[in-house]
Amino acid sequence: MKTVIWDQAATLIDLDGKAPLISTLRECVRHFAVMKSTARAEARVLLTQPTFREGRKTRTWILEPSEIEQLTLLLREEEASA
């Protein structure tokens, strides 16, 4: 993601069928950060605004676990420097 819009509405979904978390991207990433590794592997974030993916010509509405993990690291860095 080039620019992170932390306050955009997003939905964290778990492919195991648990209830989704509908909140901001920031809260979805925070929730993802405390999940067990098995749950993280099954998690996806559905965005309300599509974002560019590196190496692809089109934008996407869904973030994969590796992308959410990158956002987790970015959020931690931003919070540590604040």
C-alpha atoms as a PDB file:
ATOM      1  CA  MET A   1       0.000   0.000   0.000  1.00  0.00           C
ATOM      2  CA  LYS A   2       1.430   3.349  -0.960  1.00  0.00           C
ATOM      3  CA  THR A   3      -0.581   5.606   1.342  1.00  0.00           C
ATOM      4  CA  VAL A   4      -2.323   4.097   4.331  1.00  0.00           C
ATOM      5  CA  ILE A   5      -5.676   5.604   5.170  1.00  0.00           C
ATOM      6  CA  TRP A   6      -5.970   4.263   8.703  1.00  0.00           C
ATOM      7  CA  ASP A   7      -9.437   5.700   9.300  1.00  0.00           C
ATOM      8  CA  GLN A   8     -11.107   4.145   6.257  1.00  0.00           C
ATOM      9  CA  ALA A   9     -13.827   1.637   7.026  1.00  0.00           C
ATOM     10  CA  ALA A  10     -12.668  -1.969   6.712  1.00  0.00           C
ATOM     11  CA  THR A  11     -13.769  -5.462   7.637  1.00  0.00           C
ATOM     12  CA  LEU A  12     -11.489  -8.115   9.104  1.00  0.00           C
ATOM     13  CA  ILE A  13     -12.769 -11.536   8.089  1.00  0.00           C
ATOM     14  CA  ASP A  14     -11.665 -14.931   9.293  1.00  0.00           C
ATOM     15  CA  LEU A  15     -12.087 -17.788   6.852  1.00  0.00           C
ATOM     16  CA  ASP A  16     -12.968 -20.073   9.784  1.00  0.00           C
ATOM     17  CA  GLY A  17     -16.385 -18.438   9.883  1.00  0.00           C
ATOM     18  CA  LYS A  18     -16.031 -16.301  13.004  1.00  0.00           C
ATOM     19  CA  ALA A  19     -17.924 -13.024  13.134  1.00  0.00           C
ATOM     20  CA  PRO A  20     -16.149 -10.276  11.182  1.00  0.00           C
ATOM     21  CA  LEU A  21     -14.777  -7.124  12.780  1.00  0.00           C
ATOM     22  CA  ILE A  22     -16.249  -4.083  11.043  1.00  0.00           C
ATOM     23  CA  SER A  23     -14.287  -1.011  12.041  1.00  0.00           C
ATOM     24  CA  THR A  24     -11.456   1.179  10.760  1.00  0.00           C
ATOM     25  CA  LEU A  25      -8.409  -0.230   9.026  1.00  0.00           C
ATOM     26  CA  ARG A  26      -6.368   0.727  12.109  1.00  0.00           C
ATOM     27  CA  GLU A  27      -8.581  -1.353  14.422  1.00  0.00           C
ATOM     28  CA  CYS A  28      -8.614  -4.291  12.007  1.00  0.00           C
ATOM     29  CA  VAL A  29      -4.805  -4.269  11.905  1.00  0.00           C
ATOM     30  CA  ARG A  30      -4.595  -4.031  15.715  1.00  0.00           C
ATOM     31  CA  HIS A  31      -6.982  -6.966  16.051  1.00  0.00           C
ATOM     32  CA  PHE A  32      -4.976  -8.965  13.508  1.00  0.00           C
ATOM     33  CA  ALA A  33      -1.784  -8.282  15.505  1.00  0.00           C
ATOM     34  CA  VAL A  34      -3.107 -10.127  18.565  1.00  0.00           C
ATOM     35  CA  MET A  35      -4.490 -13.125  16.684  1.00  0.00           C
ATOM     36  CA  LYS A  36      -2.825 -16.524  16.913  1.00  0.00           C
ATOM     37  CA  SER A  37      -0.686 -17.450  13.917  1.00  0.00           C
ATOM     38  CA  THR A  38      -3.212 -20.021  12.697  1.00  0.00           C
ATOM     39  CA  ALA A  39      -5.977 -17.415  12.724  1.00  0.00           C
ATOM     40  CA  ARG A  40      -3.712 -14.883  10.998  1.00  0.00           C
ATOM     41  CA  ALA A  41      -3.174 -17.295   8.121  1.00  0.00           C
ATOM     42  CA  GLU A  42      -6.943 -17.408   7.591  1.00  0.00           C
ATOM     43  CA  ALA A  43      -7.604 -13.669   7.975  1.00  0.00           C
ATOM     44  CA  ARG A  44      -8.314 -11.145   5.230  1.00  0.00           C
ATOM     45  CA  VAL A  45      -9.203  -7.455   5.287  1.00  0.00           C
ATOM     46  CA  LEU A  46     -11.901  -6.153   2.986  1.00  0.00           C
ATOM     47  CA  LEU A  47     -11.335  -2.484   2.170  1.00  0.00           C
ATOM     48  CA  THR A  48     -13.876   0.195   1.279  1.00  0.00           C
ATOM     49  CA  GLN A  49     -11.364   1.872  -1.055  1.00  0.00           C
ATOM     50  CA  PRO A  50      -9.289  -0.282  -3.406  1.00  0.00           C
ATOM     51  CA  THR A  51      -5.525  -0.082  -3.132  1.00  0.00           C
ATOM     52  CA  PHE A  52      -2.631  -0.762  -5.462  1.00  0.00           C
ATOM     53  CA  ARG A  53      -0.619  -3.951  -5.088  1.00  0.00           C
ATOM     54  CA  GLU A  54       2.990  -4.022  -6.082  1.00  0.00           C
ATOM     55  CA  GLY A  55       3.509  -5.958  -9.292  1.00  0.00           C
ATOM     56  CA  ARG A  56      -0.134  -5.739 -10.388  1.00  0.00           C
ATOM     57  CA  LYS A  57      -1.825  -3.426 -12.838  1.00  0.00           C
ATOM     58  CA  THR A  58      -5.171  -3.419 -11.059  1.00  0.00           C
ATOM     59  CA  ARG A  59      -6.225  -2.326  -7.605  1.00  0.00           C
ATOM     60  CA  THR A  60      -7.628  -4.725  -5.027  1.00  0.00           C
ATOM     61  CA  TRP A  61     -10.285  -4.647  -2.332  1.00  0.00           C
ATOM     62  CA  ILE A  62      -8.855  -7.514  -0.266  1.00  0.00           C
ATOM     63  CA  LEU A  63      -5.615  -7.641   1.711  1.00  0.00           C
ATOM     64  CA  GLU A  64      -3.884 -10.976   2.245  1.00  0.00           C
ATOM     65  CA  PRO A  65      -2.253 -11.986   5.574  1.00  0.00           C
ATOM     66  CA  SER A  66       1.248 -10.977   4.446  1.00  0.00           C
ATOM     67  CA  GLU A  67      -0.021  -7.506   3.522  1.00  0.00           C
ATOM     68  CA  ILE A  68      -1.838  -7.140   6.833  1.00  0.00           C
ATOM     69  CA  GLU A  69       1.369  -8.168   8.611  1.00  0.00           C
ATOM     70  CA  GLN A  70       3.229  -5.370   6.801  1.00  0.00           C
ATOM     71  CA  LEU A  71       0.565  -2.925   7.990  1.00  0.00           C
ATOM     72  CA  THR A  72       0.995  -4.252  11.532  1.00  0.00           C
ATOM     73  CA  LEU A  73       4.688  -3.414  11.408  1.00  0.00           C
ATOM     74  CA  LEU A  74       3.994   0.018   9.914  1.00  0.00           C
ATOM     75  CA  LEU A  75       1.396   0.795  12.575  1.00  0.00           C
ATOM     76  CA  ARG A  76       3.808  -0.205  15.347  1.00  0.00           C
ATOM     77  CA  GLU A  77       6.511   2.039  13.873  1.00  0.00           C
ATOM     78  CA  GLU A  78       4.110   4.981  13.621  1.00  0.00           C
ATOM     79  CA  GLU A  79       2.855   4.501  17.178  1.00  0.00           C
ATOM     80  CA  ALA A  80       6.413   4.183  18.532  1.00  0.00           C
ATOM     81  CA  SER A  81       7.474   7.451  16.881  1.00  0.00           C
ATOM     82  CA  ALA A  82       4.383   9.366  18.060  1.00  0.00           C
END
